[in-house]
Amino acid sequence: MRQAAGPVMARQVGEVLGVDVSVRAKLEPLRGKLVGLADRCWLRKLPDRWFTTRL
């Protein structure tokens, strides 16, 4: 997240982490983890499904 120039989507995070983003079932757990981090205030979830750092 901090390497990104701005807000990113779960698909972009998955590409960097090496997750097969063409399969939705592989992407949903990652999206859930990002939402969990946003709930814990480690990330910020924007209304349009984008994520960014809290800093």
Protein backbone atom coordinates (compact mmCIF):
# COMPACT_ATOMS: atom_id res chain seq x y z
CA MET A 1 0.00 0.00 0.00
CA ARG A 2 2.74 2.44 0.85
CA GLN A 3 4.51 1.77 -2.46
CA ALA A 4 1.45 2.89 -4.41
CA ALA A 5 1.25 6.46 -5.63
CA GLY A 6 -2.36 6.73 -4.46
CA PRO A 7 -5.40 4.66 -3.54
CA VAL A 8 -5.48 1.09 -4.85
CA MET A 9 -8.08 -1.63 -5.37
CA ALA A 10 -7.84 -5.16 -4.02
CA ARG A 11 -7.03 -6.41 -7.53
CA GLN A 12 -3.92 -4.22 -7.69
CA VAL A 13 -2.76 -5.44 -4.27
CA GLY A 14 -3.31 -9.02 -5.42
CA GLU A 15 -1.21 -8.49 -8.53
CA VAL A 16 1.71 -7.23 -6.44
CA LEU A 17 1.37 -10.12 -3.99
CA GLY A 18 1.18 -12.72 -6.77
CA VAL A 19 -2.45 -13.73 -6.25
CA ASP A 20 -4.30 -15.03 -9.32
CA VAL A 21 -6.56 -12.01 -9.79
CA SER A 22 -8.38 -13.49 -12.78
CA VAL A 23 -10.26 -15.81 -10.40
CA ARG A 24 -12.73 -13.93 -8.22
CA ALA A 25 -12.65 -16.66 -5.53
CA LYS A 26 -8.94 -15.98 -5.02
CA LEU A 27 -9.48 -12.23 -4.75
CA GLU A 28 -12.35 -12.20 -2.25
CA PRO A 29 -10.28 -13.41 0.76
CA LEU A 30 -7.74 -10.67 0.05
CA ARG A 31 -10.51 -8.08 -0.15
CA GLY A 32 -11.82 -9.36 3.17
CA LYS A 33 -8.39 -8.96 4.76
CA LEU A 34 -8.12 -5.41 3.44
CA VAL A 35 -11.56 -4.60 4.85
CA GLY A 36 -10.46 -6.09 8.18
CA LEU A 37 -7.39 -3.87 8.21
CA ALA A 38 -9.62 -0.90 7.42
CA ASP A 39 -11.90 -1.84 10.34
CA ARG A 40 -8.84 -1.84 12.61
CA CYS A 41 -7.85 1.59 11.24
CA TRP A 42 -4.61 0.34 9.65
CA LEU A 43 -5.99 1.23 6.22
CA ARG A 44 -8.65 3.61 5.01
CA LYS A 45 -11.44 2.28 2.81
CA LEU A 46 -12.85 4.84 0.42
CA PRO A 47 -16.54 4.64 -0.60
CA ASP A 48 -15.73 3.52 -4.15
CA ARG A 49 -13.92 0.26 -3.10
CA TRP A 50 -10.46 1.84 -3.07
CA PHE A 51 -8.02 1.46 -0.17
CA THR A 52 -5.30 3.80 1.01
CA THR A 53 -2.95 4.10 3.96
CA ARG A 54 -4.02 5.97 7.05
CA LEU A 55 -0.88 8.10 7.14
